[in-house]
Amino acid sequence: MIQSILILKKSGENICSKSFGDIEWEETLTSGFISAIFAFTQKTFEEDLDDLELGPYRILFEQGDEIILVAFFDKSDSIINIRQKLKELKDIVSSKYGHILTKDICSPDEFEGLEELIERIVSESLDVRLNNATKSQYISILDSFRSNPEILDCDLITSYGVPLTKEWNKEFLDLCLRMIDAFWKTKQYVLDQIILTYEERHLILHKINEEFVLSALVRRNTPIGLATLLVDEASSLIARIE
């Protein structure tokens, strides 16, 4: 679960914090720490900080023009889902409070309704919206793909980290989501396919577009070339659906 959300100006000034779990932010200390570490990574590596791991928790950062948003959440949660929530929150805060954020000094009282906005976005369920006809087309392609004797199982995973057709084993889904996060996190290189060996099987994750990743479990003795060809063919069919 998300433990806390923190929003601050890039100057380090705290705008708002909201806790949802047992861990509380020490606002002054946390704001100073985040500002300092962002300044350090920019000056030393000329790169922005994306995330940190601290014991069983993870800290994810999202930057706007004037603000830095921070989510402190359980490491077992979907980083893809958390990232989408931060991006949505960033866009709304930048639009709704943009005229306040450009001021040199802001008062928390000027951000009326911000805590309620954070709570709504954190609590709502995110997913790709599909009508029944489109979903049926996706399922038909997956069923055909799964009928190939080389394919043990397959599914589509949305950009929010949610499987399209069925419930997954949580540990296996977490493994896939950690790999899939690289599709959106990698900025320098265009990454569209990941191949792993999983319990005597090949796991192939193929990014189709900004909404879907095709996952395929393939027999271990299937040549990788053939496996990737089958995945490419199924991905192409899915990509044609609008």
C-alpha atoms as a PDB file:
ATOM      1  CA  MET A   1       0.000   0.000   0.000  1.00  0.00           C
ATOM      2  CA  ILE A   2       0.963   3.642  -0.358  1.00  0.00           C
ATOM      3  CA  GLN A   3       2.240   4.789   3.011  1.00  0.00           C
ATOM      4  CA  SER A   4       2.541   8.509   2.280  1.00  0.00           C
ATOM      5  CA  ILE A   5       2.436  11.125  -0.460  1.00  0.00           C
ATOM      6  CA  LEU A   6       4.548  14.275  -0.265  1.00  0.00           C
ATOM      7  CA  ILE A   7       4.435  17.279  -2.587  1.00  0.00           C
ATOM      8  CA  LEU A   8       7.093  19.986  -2.400  1.00  0.00           C
ATOM      9  CA  LYS A   9       8.474  22.768  -4.535  1.00  0.00           C
ATOM     10  CA  LYS A  10      11.827  22.164  -6.175  1.00  0.00           C
ATOM     11  CA  SER A  11      13.247  24.766  -3.811  1.00  0.00           C
ATOM     12  CA  GLY A  12      12.477  22.331  -0.971  1.00  0.00           C
ATOM     13  CA  GLU A  13       9.417  24.128   0.375  1.00  0.00           C
ATOM     14  CA  ASN A  14       6.803  21.660   1.613  1.00  0.00           C
ATOM     15  CA  ILE A  15       3.366  22.044   0.010  1.00  0.00           C
ATOM     16  CA  CYS A  16       1.391  19.102   1.325  1.00  0.00           C
ATOM     17  CA  SER A  17       1.829  15.643   2.837  1.00  0.00           C
ATOM     18  CA  LYS A  18      -0.743  12.917   3.345  1.00  0.00           C
ATOM     19  CA  SER A  19      -0.229   9.639   5.230  1.00  0.00           C
ATOM     20  CA  PHE A  20      -2.215   6.464   4.560  1.00  0.00           C
ATOM     21  CA  GLY A  21      -0.298   3.928   6.662  1.00  0.00           C
ATOM     22  CA  ASP A  22       1.742   3.587   9.820  1.00  0.00           C
ATOM     23  CA  ILE A  23       4.739   5.588   8.627  1.00  0.00           C
ATOM     24  CA  GLU A  24       4.651   9.355   9.088  1.00  0.00           C
ATOM     25  CA  TRP A  25       6.760  11.913   7.230  1.00  0.00           C
ATOM     26  CA  GLU A  26       8.892  14.280   9.286  1.00  0.00           C
ATOM     27  CA  GLU A  27       8.110  17.085   6.879  1.00  0.00           C
ATOM     28  CA  THR A  28      11.030  19.442   7.413  1.00  0.00           C
ATOM     29  CA  LEU A  29      13.640  16.685   7.472  1.00  0.00           C
ATOM     30  CA  THR A  30      12.138  14.850   4.492  1.00  0.00           C
ATOM     31  CA  SER A  31      11.796  17.969   2.333  1.00  0.00           C
ATOM     32  CA  GLY A  32      15.397  18.945   3.009  1.00  0.00           C
ATOM     33  CA  PHE A  33      16.627  15.416   2.283  1.00  0.00           C
ATOM     34  CA  ILE A  34      14.797  15.182  -1.039  1.00  0.00           C
ATOM     35  CA  SER A  35      15.933  18.615  -2.202  1.00  0.00           C
ATOM     36  CA  ALA A  36      19.518  17.805  -1.252  1.00  0.00           C
ATOM     37  CA  ILE A  37      19.603  14.429  -2.988  1.00  0.00           C
ATOM     38  CA  PHE A  38      18.027  15.862  -6.161  1.00  0.00           C
ATOM     39  CA  ALA A  39      20.637  18.625  -6.205  1.00  0.00           C
ATOM     40  CA  PHE A  40      23.384  16.026  -5.651  1.00  0.00           C
ATOM     41  CA  THR A  41      22.306  13.706  -8.487  1.00  0.00           C
ATOM     42  CA  GLN A  42      21.855  16.629 -10.874  1.00  0.00           C
ATOM     43  CA  LYS A  43      25.249  18.158 -10.065  1.00  0.00           C
ATOM     44  CA  THR A  44      27.183  14.886  -9.938  1.00  0.00           C
ATOM     45  CA  PHE A  45      25.513  12.771 -12.610  1.00  0.00           C
ATOM     46  CA  GLU A  46      23.389  15.327 -14.502  1.00  0.00           C
ATOM     47  CA  GLU A  47      20.457  12.964 -13.976  1.00  0.00           C
ATOM     48  CA  ASP A  48      17.225  13.139 -11.994  1.00  0.00           C
ATOM     49  CA  LEU A  49      16.464  10.630  -9.250  1.00  0.00           C
ATOM     50  CA  ASP A  50      13.683   8.149 -10.115  1.00  0.00           C
ATOM     51  CA  ASP A  51      13.352   5.896  -7.085  1.00  0.00           C
ATOM     52  CA  LEU A  52      15.010   4.525  -3.956  1.00  0.00           C
ATOM     53  CA  GLU A  53      14.626   1.320  -1.934  1.00  0.00           C
ATOM     54  CA  LEU A  54      14.751   1.425   1.857  1.00  0.00           C
ATOM     55  CA  GLY A  55      14.254  -1.955   3.532  1.00  0.00           C
ATOM     56  CA  PRO A  56      10.696  -3.167   2.788  1.00  0.00           C
ATOM     57  CA  TYR A  57       9.724   0.190   1.288  1.00  0.00           C
ATOM     58  CA  ARG A  58      10.292   2.077  -1.935  1.00  0.00           C
ATOM     59  CA  ILE A  59      10.308   5.801  -2.664  1.00  0.00           C
ATOM     60  CA  LEU A  60       9.178   6.963  -6.109  1.00  0.00           C
ATOM     61  CA  PHE A  61       9.650  10.483  -7.478  1.00  0.00           C
ATOM     62  CA  GLU A  62       7.745  12.386 -10.166  1.00  0.00           C
ATOM     63  CA  GLN A  63       8.727  15.885 -11.286  1.00  0.00           C
ATOM     64  CA  GLY A  64       6.648  18.744 -12.655  1.00  0.00           C
ATOM     65  CA  ASP A  65       7.799  22.162 -13.783  1.00  0.00           C
ATOM     66  CA  GLU A  66       7.609  23.592 -10.261  1.00  0.00           C
ATOM     67  CA  ILE A  67       7.108  20.579  -7.987  1.00  0.00           C
ATOM     68  CA  ILE A  68       8.422  17.198  -6.914  1.00  0.00           C
ATOM     69  CA  LEU A  69       5.924  14.516  -5.916  1.00  0.00           C
ATOM     70  CA  VAL A  70       7.052  11.627  -3.719  1.00  0.00           C
ATOM     71  CA  ALA A  71       5.293   8.349  -2.936  1.00  0.00           C
ATOM     72  CA  PHE A  72       6.485   6.161  -0.066  1.00  0.00           C
ATOM     73  CA  PHE A  73       5.008   2.661  -0.541  1.00  0.00           C
ATOM     74  CA  ASP A  74       5.472  -1.047   0.195  1.00  0.00           C
ATOM     75  CA  LYS A  75       8.069  -2.666  -2.052  1.00  0.00           C
ATOM     76  CA  SER A  76       5.579  -5.409  -2.982  1.00  0.00           C
ATOM     77  CA  ASP A  77       3.211  -2.895  -4.625  1.00  0.00           C
ATOM     78  CA  SER A  78       3.074  -2.318  -8.372  1.00  0.00           C
ATOM     79  CA  ILE A  79       5.487   0.496  -9.184  1.00  0.00           C
ATOM     80  CA  ILE A  80       3.656   0.945 -12.494  1.00  0.00           C
ATOM     81  CA  ASN A  81       0.391   1.654 -10.691  1.00  0.00           C
ATOM     82  CA  ILE A  82       2.072   4.050  -8.249  1.00  0.00           C
ATOM     83  CA  ARG A  83       3.835   5.861 -11.087  1.00  0.00           C
ATOM     84  CA  GLN A  84       0.539   6.384 -12.919  1.00  0.00           C
ATOM     85  CA  LYS A  85      -1.078   7.821  -9.794  1.00  0.00           C
ATOM     86  CA  LEU A  86       1.814  10.243  -9.295  1.00  0.00           C
ATOM     87  CA  LYS A  87       1.636  11.359 -12.936  1.00  0.00           C
ATOM     88  CA  GLU A  88      -2.115  11.952 -12.683  1.00  0.00           C
ATOM     89  CA  LEU A  89      -1.663  13.850  -9.437  1.00  0.00           C
ATOM     90  CA  LYS A  90       1.164  15.945 -10.934  1.00  0.00           C
ATOM     91  CA  ASP A  91      -0.944  16.948 -13.931  1.00  0.00           C
ATOM     92  CA  ILE A  92      -3.939  17.970 -11.808  1.00  0.00           C
ATOM     93  CA  VAL A  93      -1.883  19.857  -9.218  1.00  0.00           C
ATOM     94  CA  SER A  94       0.088  21.704 -11.920  1.00  0.00           C
ATOM     95  CA  SER A  95      -3.135  22.710 -13.675  1.00  0.00           C
ATOM     96  CA  LYS A  96      -5.248  23.579 -10.636  1.00  0.00           C
ATOM     97  CA  TYR A  97      -2.596  25.307  -8.517  1.00  0.00           C
ATOM     98  CA  GLY A  98      -0.133  26.438 -11.198  1.00  0.00           C
ATOM     99  CA  HIS A  99      -0.720  30.151 -10.509  1.00  0.00           C
ATOM    100  CA  ILE A 100       0.206  29.590  -6.850  1.00  0.00           C
ATOM    101  CA  LEU A 101       3.239  27.410  -7.533  1.00  0.00           C
ATOM    102  CA  THR A 102       4.966  30.158  -9.519  1.00  0.00           C
ATOM    103  CA  LYS A 103       5.077  32.388  -6.449  1.00  0.00           C
ATOM    104  CA  ASP A 104       8.382  32.622  -4.582  1.00  0.00           C
ATOM    105  CA  ILE A 105       6.733  31.727  -1.267  1.00  0.00           C
ATOM    106  CA  CYS A 106       3.587  29.634  -0.922  1.00  0.00           C
ATOM    107  CA  SER A 107       1.415  28.997   2.117  1.00  0.00           C
ATOM    108  CA  PRO A 108      -0.162  25.545   2.612  1.00  0.00           C
ATOM    109  CA  ASP A 109      -3.469  27.373   3.162  1.00  0.00           C
ATOM    110  CA  GLU A 110      -3.428  28.405  -0.498  1.00  0.00           C
ATOM    111  CA  PHE A 111      -3.776  24.777  -1.618  1.00  0.00           C
ATOM    112  CA  GLU A 112      -7.344  24.276  -0.501  1.00  0.00           C
ATOM    113  CA  GLY A 113      -8.710  20.824  -1.351  1.00  0.00           C
ATOM    114  CA  LEU A 114      -5.282  19.338  -2.104  1.00  0.00           C
ATOM    115  CA  GLU A 115      -5.406  16.683   0.652  1.00  0.00           C
ATOM    116  CA  GLU A 116      -8.825  15.523  -0.585  1.00  0.00           C
ATOM    117  CA  LEU A 117      -7.462  15.378  -4.141  1.00  0.00           C
ATOM    118  CA  ILE A 118      -4.512  13.217  -3.037  1.00  0.00           C
ATOM    119  CA  GLU A 119      -6.816  10.886  -1.123  1.00  0.00           C
ATOM    120  CA  ARG A 120      -9.140  10.475  -4.115  1.00  0.00           C
ATOM    121  CA  ILE A 121      -6.372   9.650  -6.578  1.00  0.00           C
ATOM    122  CA  VAL A 122      -4.654   7.214  -4.189  1.00  0.00           C
ATOM    123  CA  SER A 123      -7.889   5.351  -3.444  1.00  0.00           C
ATOM    124  CA  GLU A 124      -9.296   5.117  -6.975  1.00  0.00           C
ATOM    125  CA  SER A 125      -8.745   2.079  -9.165  1.00  0.00           C
ATOM    126  CA  LEU A 126      -6.818   2.745 -12.377  1.00  0.00           C
ATOM    127  CA  ASP A 127      -7.145   0.677 -15.510  1.00  0.00           C
ATOM    128  CA  VAL A 128      -7.346   0.908 -19.257  1.00  0.00           C
ATOM    129  CA  ARG A 129     -10.979   1.379 -20.306  1.00  0.00           C
ATOM    130  CA  LEU A 130     -12.122  -1.137 -22.909  1.00  0.00           C
ATOM    131  CA  ASN A 131     -15.521  -1.713 -24.448  1.00  0.00           C
ATOM    132  CA  ASN A 132     -16.750  -5.305 -24.650  1.00  0.00           C
ATOM    133  CA  ALA A 133     -16.196  -5.611 -28.398  1.00  0.00           C
ATOM    134  CA  THR A 134     -12.556  -4.514 -28.188  1.00  0.00           C
ATOM    135  CA  LYS A 135     -11.868  -6.730 -25.186  1.00  0.00           C
ATOM    136  CA  SER A 136     -13.378  -9.695 -27.044  1.00  0.00           C
ATOM    137  CA  GLN A 137     -10.978  -9.101 -29.938  1.00  0.00           C
ATOM    138  CA  TYR A 138      -7.997  -9.094 -27.559  1.00  0.00           C
ATOM    139  CA  ILE A 139      -9.191 -12.286 -25.875  1.00  0.00           C
ATOM    140  CA  SER A 140      -9.703 -13.998 -29.241  1.00  0.00           C
ATOM    141  CA  ILE A 141      -6.102 -13.255 -30.261  1.00  0.00           C
ATOM    142  CA  LEU A 142      -4.814 -14.458 -26.888  1.00  0.00           C
ATOM    143  CA  ASP A 143      -6.839 -17.697 -27.154  1.00  0.00           C
ATOM    144  CA  SER A 144      -5.413 -18.349 -30.620  1.00  0.00           C
ATOM    145  CA  PHE A 145      -1.892 -17.556 -29.435  1.00  0.00           C
ATOM    146  CA  ARG A 146      -2.297 -19.823 -26.413  1.00  0.00           C
ATOM    147  CA  SER A 147      -3.441 -22.712 -28.609  1.00  0.00           C
ATOM    148  CA  ASN A 148       0.051 -22.952 -30.132  1.00  0.00           C
ATOM    149  CA  PRO A 149       1.765 -26.000 -28.555  1.00  0.00           C
ATOM    150  CA  GLU A 150       4.912 -23.950 -27.862  1.00  0.00           C
ATOM    151  CA  ILE A 151       2.977 -21.433 -25.735  1.00  0.00           C
ATOM    152  CA  LEU A 152       2.140 -22.508 -22.188  1.00  0.00           C
ATOM    153  CA  ASP A 153       0.217 -19.374 -21.222  1.00  0.00           C
ATOM    154  CA  CYS A 154      -0.181 -15.725 -22.163  1.00  0.00           C
ATOM    155  CA  ASP A 155      -1.988 -12.554 -21.180  1.00  0.00           C
ATOM    156  CA  LEU A 156      -2.019  -8.811 -21.708  1.00  0.00           C
ATOM    157  CA  ILE A 157      -0.864  -6.584 -18.856  1.00  0.00           C
ATOM    158  CA  THR A 158      -2.112  -3.015 -18.913  1.00  0.00           C
ATOM    159  CA  SER A 159       0.083   0.023 -18.368  1.00  0.00           C
ATOM    160  CA  TYR A 160      -1.420   0.174 -14.869  1.00  0.00           C
ATOM    161  CA  GLY A 161      -0.040  -3.263 -14.030  1.00  0.00           C
ATOM    162  CA  VAL A 162      -3.336  -5.141 -14.267  1.00  0.00           C
ATOM    163  CA  PRO A 163      -3.707  -8.464 -16.188  1.00  0.00           C
ATOM    164  CA  LEU A 164      -6.500  -8.317 -18.754  1.00  0.00           C
ATOM    165  CA  THR A 165      -8.088 -11.750 -18.621  1.00  0.00           C
ATOM    166  CA  LYS A 166      -7.516 -13.449 -15.259  1.00  0.00           C
ATOM    167  CA  GLU A 167      -6.112 -13.352 -11.745  1.00  0.00           C
ATOM    168  CA  TRP A 168      -2.364 -13.978 -11.432  1.00  0.00           C
ATOM    169  CA  ASN A 169      -0.218 -15.398  -8.687  1.00  0.00           C
ATOM    170  CA  LYS A 170       0.846 -12.250  -6.830  1.00  0.00           C
ATOM    171  CA  GLU A 171       4.544 -13.134  -6.597  1.00  0.00           C
ATOM    172  CA  PHE A 172       4.719 -13.926 -10.305  1.00  0.00           C
ATOM    173  CA  LEU A 173       2.823 -10.738 -11.206  1.00  0.00           C
ATOM    174  CA  ASP A 174       5.194  -8.700  -9.011  1.00  0.00           C
ATOM    175  CA  LEU A 175       8.143 -10.237 -10.866  1.00  0.00           C
ATOM    176  CA  CYS A 176       6.635  -9.289 -14.221  1.00  0.00           C
ATOM    177  CA  LEU A 177       5.756  -5.768 -13.113  1.00  0.00           C
ATOM    178  CA  ARG A 178       9.283  -5.121 -11.888  1.00  0.00           C
ATOM    179  CA  MET A 179      10.557  -6.115 -15.319  1.00  0.00           C
ATOM    180  CA  ILE A 180       7.845  -4.211 -17.196  1.00  0.00           C
ATOM    181  CA  ASP A 181       8.677  -1.014 -15.319  1.00  0.00           C
ATOM    182  CA  ALA A 182      11.892  -0.881 -17.342  1.00  0.00           C
ATOM    183  CA  PHE A 183       9.856  -0.244 -20.519  1.00  0.00           C
ATOM    184  CA  TRP A 184       8.708   3.128 -19.188  1.00  0.00           C
ATOM    185  CA  LYS A 185      11.673   3.915 -16.964  1.00  0.00           C
ATOM    186  CA  THR A 186      14.434   3.513 -19.550  1.00  0.00           C
ATOM    187  CA  LYS A 187      14.945   6.879 -21.246  1.00  0.00           C
ATOM    188  CA  GLN A 188      18.235   6.554 -23.084  1.00  0.00           C
ATOM    189  CA  TYR A 189      17.373   3.362 -24.965  1.00  0.00           C
ATOM    190  CA  VAL A 190      14.159   2.098 -26.555  1.00  0.00           C
ATOM    191  CA  LEU A 191      13.366  -1.186 -24.778  1.00  0.00           C
ATOM    192  CA  ASP A 192      10.482  -3.267 -26.105  1.00  0.00           C
ATOM    193  CA  GLN A 193      11.223  -6.882 -25.110  1.00  0.00           C
ATOM    194  CA  ILE A 194      12.529  -8.738 -22.049  1.00  0.00           C
ATOM    195  CA  ILE A 195      13.288 -12.484 -21.935  1.00  0.00           C
ATOM    196  CA  LEU A 196      13.722 -14.382 -18.646  1.00  0.00           C
ATOM    197  CA  THR A 197      14.094 -18.016 -17.710  1.00  0.00           C
ATOM    198  CA  TYR A 198      11.443 -18.853 -15.136  1.00  0.00           C
ATOM    199  CA  GLU A 199      11.085 -22.311 -13.522  1.00  0.00           C
ATOM    200  CA  GLU A 200      12.324 -24.209 -16.584  1.00  0.00           C
ATOM    201  CA  ARG A 201      10.321 -21.970 -18.906  1.00  0.00           C
ATOM    202  CA  HIS A 202      11.013 -18.840 -20.897  1.00  0.00           C
ATOM    203  CA  LEU A 203       9.074 -15.734 -19.940  1.00  0.00           C
ATOM    204  CA  ILE A 204       8.837 -13.144 -22.707  1.00  0.00           C
ATOM    205  CA  LEU A 205       7.472  -9.660 -22.034  1.00  0.00           C
ATOM    206  CA  HIS A 206       6.840  -7.611 -25.171  1.00  0.00           C
ATOM    207  CA  LYS A 207       5.755  -3.957 -25.117  1.00  0.00           C
ATOM    208  CA  ILE A 208       3.026  -3.516 -27.730  1.00  0.00           C
ATOM    209  CA  ASN A 209       2.229   0.157 -27.156  1.00  0.00           C
ATOM    210  CA  GLU A 210       1.755   2.628 -24.295  1.00  0.00           C
ATOM    211  CA  GLU A 211      -1.226   0.641 -23.014  1.00  0.00           C
ATOM    212  CA  PHE A 212      -0.277  -3.046 -23.172  1.00  0.00           C
ATOM    213  CA  VAL A 213       2.526  -5.526 -22.635  1.00  0.00           C
ATOM    214  CA  LEU A 214       2.104  -9.072 -23.930  1.00  0.00           C
ATOM    215  CA  SER A 215       3.377 -11.742 -21.549  1.00  0.00           C
ATOM    216  CA  ALA A 216       4.096 -15.261 -22.794  1.00  0.00           C
ATOM    217  CA  LEU A 217       5.303 -18.386 -21.018  1.00  0.00           C
ATOM    218  CA  VAL A 218       7.135 -20.569 -23.545  1.00  0.00           C
ATOM    219  CA  ARG A 219       8.444 -24.118 -23.306  1.00  0.00           C
ATOM    220  CA  ARG A 220      12.105 -24.238 -22.276  1.00  0.00           C
ATOM    221  CA  ASN A 221      13.095 -26.359 -25.289  1.00  0.00           C
ATOM    222  CA  THR A 222      11.480 -23.950 -27.752  1.00  0.00           C
ATOM    223  CA  PRO A 223      14.181 -22.031 -29.667  1.00  0.00           C
ATOM    224  CA  ILE A 224      14.214 -18.390 -28.585  1.00  0.00           C
ATOM    225  CA  GLY A 225      14.108 -17.264 -32.214  1.00  0.00           C
ATOM    226  CA  LEU A 226      10.856 -19.160 -32.802  1.00  0.00           C
ATOM    227  CA  ALA A 227       9.403 -17.984 -29.489  1.00  0.00           C
ATOM    228  CA  THR A 228      10.082 -14.311 -30.208  1.00  0.00           C
ATOM    229  CA  LEU A 229       8.675 -14.715 -33.729  1.00  0.00           C
ATOM    230  CA  LEU A 230       5.411 -16.093 -32.304  1.00  0.00           C
ATOM    231  CA  VAL A 231       5.257 -13.256 -29.774  1.00  0.00           C
ATOM    232  CA  ASP A 232       5.922 -10.666 -32.480  1.00  0.00           C
ATOM    233  CA  GLU A 233       3.108 -12.059 -34.633  1.00  0.00           C
ATOM    234  CA  ALA A 234       0.592 -11.974 -31.765  1.00  0.00           C
ATOM    235  CA  SER A 235       1.736  -8.494 -30.746  1.00  0.00           C
ATOM    236  CA  SER A 236       1.264  -7.219 -34.294  1.00  0.00           C
ATOM    237  CA  LEU A 237      -2.326  -8.502 -34.369  1.00  0.00           C
ATOM    238  CA  ILE A 238      -3.077  -6.853 -31.025  1.00  0.00           C
ATOM    239  CA  ALA A 239      -1.491  -3.571 -32.106  1.00  0.00           C
ATOM    240  CA  ARG A 240      -3.839  -3.343 -35.113  1.00  0.00           C
ATOM    241  CA  ILE A 241      -6.922  -3.221 -32.896  1.00  0.00           C
ATOM    242  CA  GLU A 242      -8.117   0.328 -32.250  1.00  0.00           C
END
